[in-house]
Amino acid sequence: MTLNDVIFVDSYPKLDLHGFDRETARVAIMDFMKDQRKLKQPIIVIIHGCGSGILKATCHDVLRKSRCVLDFKTFYYNPGCTIVLLSIDE
């Protein structure tokens, strides 16, 4: 499955970053990805909101630097969230 096949995000694990600052969001994203890899969940959703774009930029920076992220993109139907494809091989 690729990220282009994802239409409904309600069935995937979500992390909501509303109210977080940059550093707290960075730690929360890394912990969330680590937990979901242990649970063998290859697709996750990170909700960062539209706002000023600070959380979105932080989110995409963390995802870009992570070795366990195979692909990510802003969700087409909601620009306030990003869908992520994780490598679940240990």
Protein backbone atom coordinates (compact mmCIF):
# COMPACT_ATOMS: atom_id res chain seq x y z
CA MET A 1 0.00 0.00 0.00
CA THR A 2 1.23 3.48 -0.84
CA LEU A 3 0.25 6.80 0.69
CA ASN A 4 -1.60 7.72 -2.51
CA ASP A 5 -4.05 4.87 -1.77
CA VAL A 6 -5.08 6.37 1.60
CA ILE A 7 -8.48 8.05 1.43
CA PHE A 8 -9.88 7.65 4.97
CA VAL A 9 -7.51 8.34 7.86
CA ASP A 10 -9.95 7.51 10.67
CA SER A 11 -8.79 3.90 10.95
CA TYR A 12 -5.09 4.74 11.40
CA PRO A 13 -3.31 5.68 14.66
CA LYS A 14 -3.20 9.44 15.18
CA LEU A 15 -1.07 11.90 17.11
CA ASP A 16 -2.63 15.32 17.68
CA LEU A 17 -0.04 18.09 18.17
CA HIS A 18 -2.46 20.95 18.88
CA GLY A 19 -1.13 22.96 21.81
CA PHE A 20 2.41 21.57 21.61
CA ASP A 21 5.55 23.67 21.22
CA ARG A 22 8.35 22.70 18.80
CA GLU A 23 10.49 20.63 21.15
CA THR A 24 7.58 18.85 22.81
CA ALA A 25 6.17 18.05 19.36
CA ARG A 26 9.55 16.71 18.22
CA VAL A 27 9.79 14.33 21.19
CA ALA A 28 6.12 13.29 20.88
CA ILE A 29 6.54 12.46 17.17
CA MET A 30 9.63 10.34 17.76
CA ASP A 31 7.99 8.48 20.66
CA PHE A 32 4.79 7.93 18.66
CA MET A 33 6.70 6.51 15.70
CA LYS A 34 8.70 4.23 17.98
CA ASP A 35 5.53 2.92 19.65
CA GLN A 36 3.71 2.36 16.35
CA ARG A 37 6.67 0.47 14.89
CA LYS A 38 6.58 -1.85 17.90
CA LEU A 39 2.86 -2.38 17.27
CA LYS A 40 3.59 -3.08 13.57
CA GLN A 41 1.48 -0.16 12.29
CA PRO A 42 3.00 0.90 8.95
CA ILE A 43 0.74 3.93 8.36
CA ILE A 44 0.21 6.68 10.92
CA VAL A 45 -1.36 10.14 10.90
CA ILE A 46 0.10 13.22 12.56
CA ILE A 47 -2.32 16.12 13.07
CA HIS A 48 -0.44 19.43 13.21
CA GLY A 49 -3.14 21.88 12.14
CA CYS A 50 -2.93 24.65 9.55
CA GLY A 51 -2.16 27.69 11.74
CA SER A 52 1.16 29.44 11.24
CA GLY A 53 2.92 26.31 9.95
CA ILE A 54 5.42 25.96 12.80
CA LEU A 55 4.22 22.51 13.87
CA LYS A 56 3.94 21.35 10.27
CA ALA A 57 7.53 22.43 9.57
CA THR A 58 8.74 20.73 12.76
CA CYS A 59 6.80 17.57 11.92
CA HIS A 60 8.19 17.37 8.38
CA ASP A 61 11.72 18.10 9.64
CA VAL A 62 11.54 15.20 12.11
CA LEU A 63 10.10 12.87 9.47
CA ARG A 64 12.71 13.88 6.88
CA LYS A 65 15.56 13.09 9.29
CA SER A 66 14.14 9.79 10.59
CA ARG A 67 15.56 6.58 9.12
CA CYS A 68 12.38 4.62 9.88
CA VAL A 69 10.19 6.84 7.65
CA LEU A 70 9.79 5.48 4.14
CA ASP A 71 7.49 8.22 2.87
CA PHE A 72 5.26 11.04 4.13
CA LYS A 73 3.00 13.66 2.64
CA THR A 74 0.43 16.22 3.61
CA PHE A 75 -2.99 14.61 3.37
CA TYR A 76 -4.80 15.78 0.24
CA TYR A 77 -8.23 16.22 1.85
CA ASN A 78 -6.94 17.91 5.02
CA PRO A 79 -3.77 20.03 4.85
CA GLY A 80 -3.73 20.08 8.67
CA CYS A 81 -2.46 16.51 8.87
CA THR A 82 0.38 14.44 7.47
CA ILE A 83 0.24 10.73 6.66
CA VAL A 84 3.40 8.70 7.21
CA LEU A 85 4.57 5.31 5.94
CA LEU A 86 6.91 3.65 8.45
CA SER A 87 9.36 0.84 8.05
CA ILE A 88 8.25 -1.81 10.53
CA ASP A 89 11.21 -4.17 10.10
CA GLU A 90 13.31 -4.32 13.23
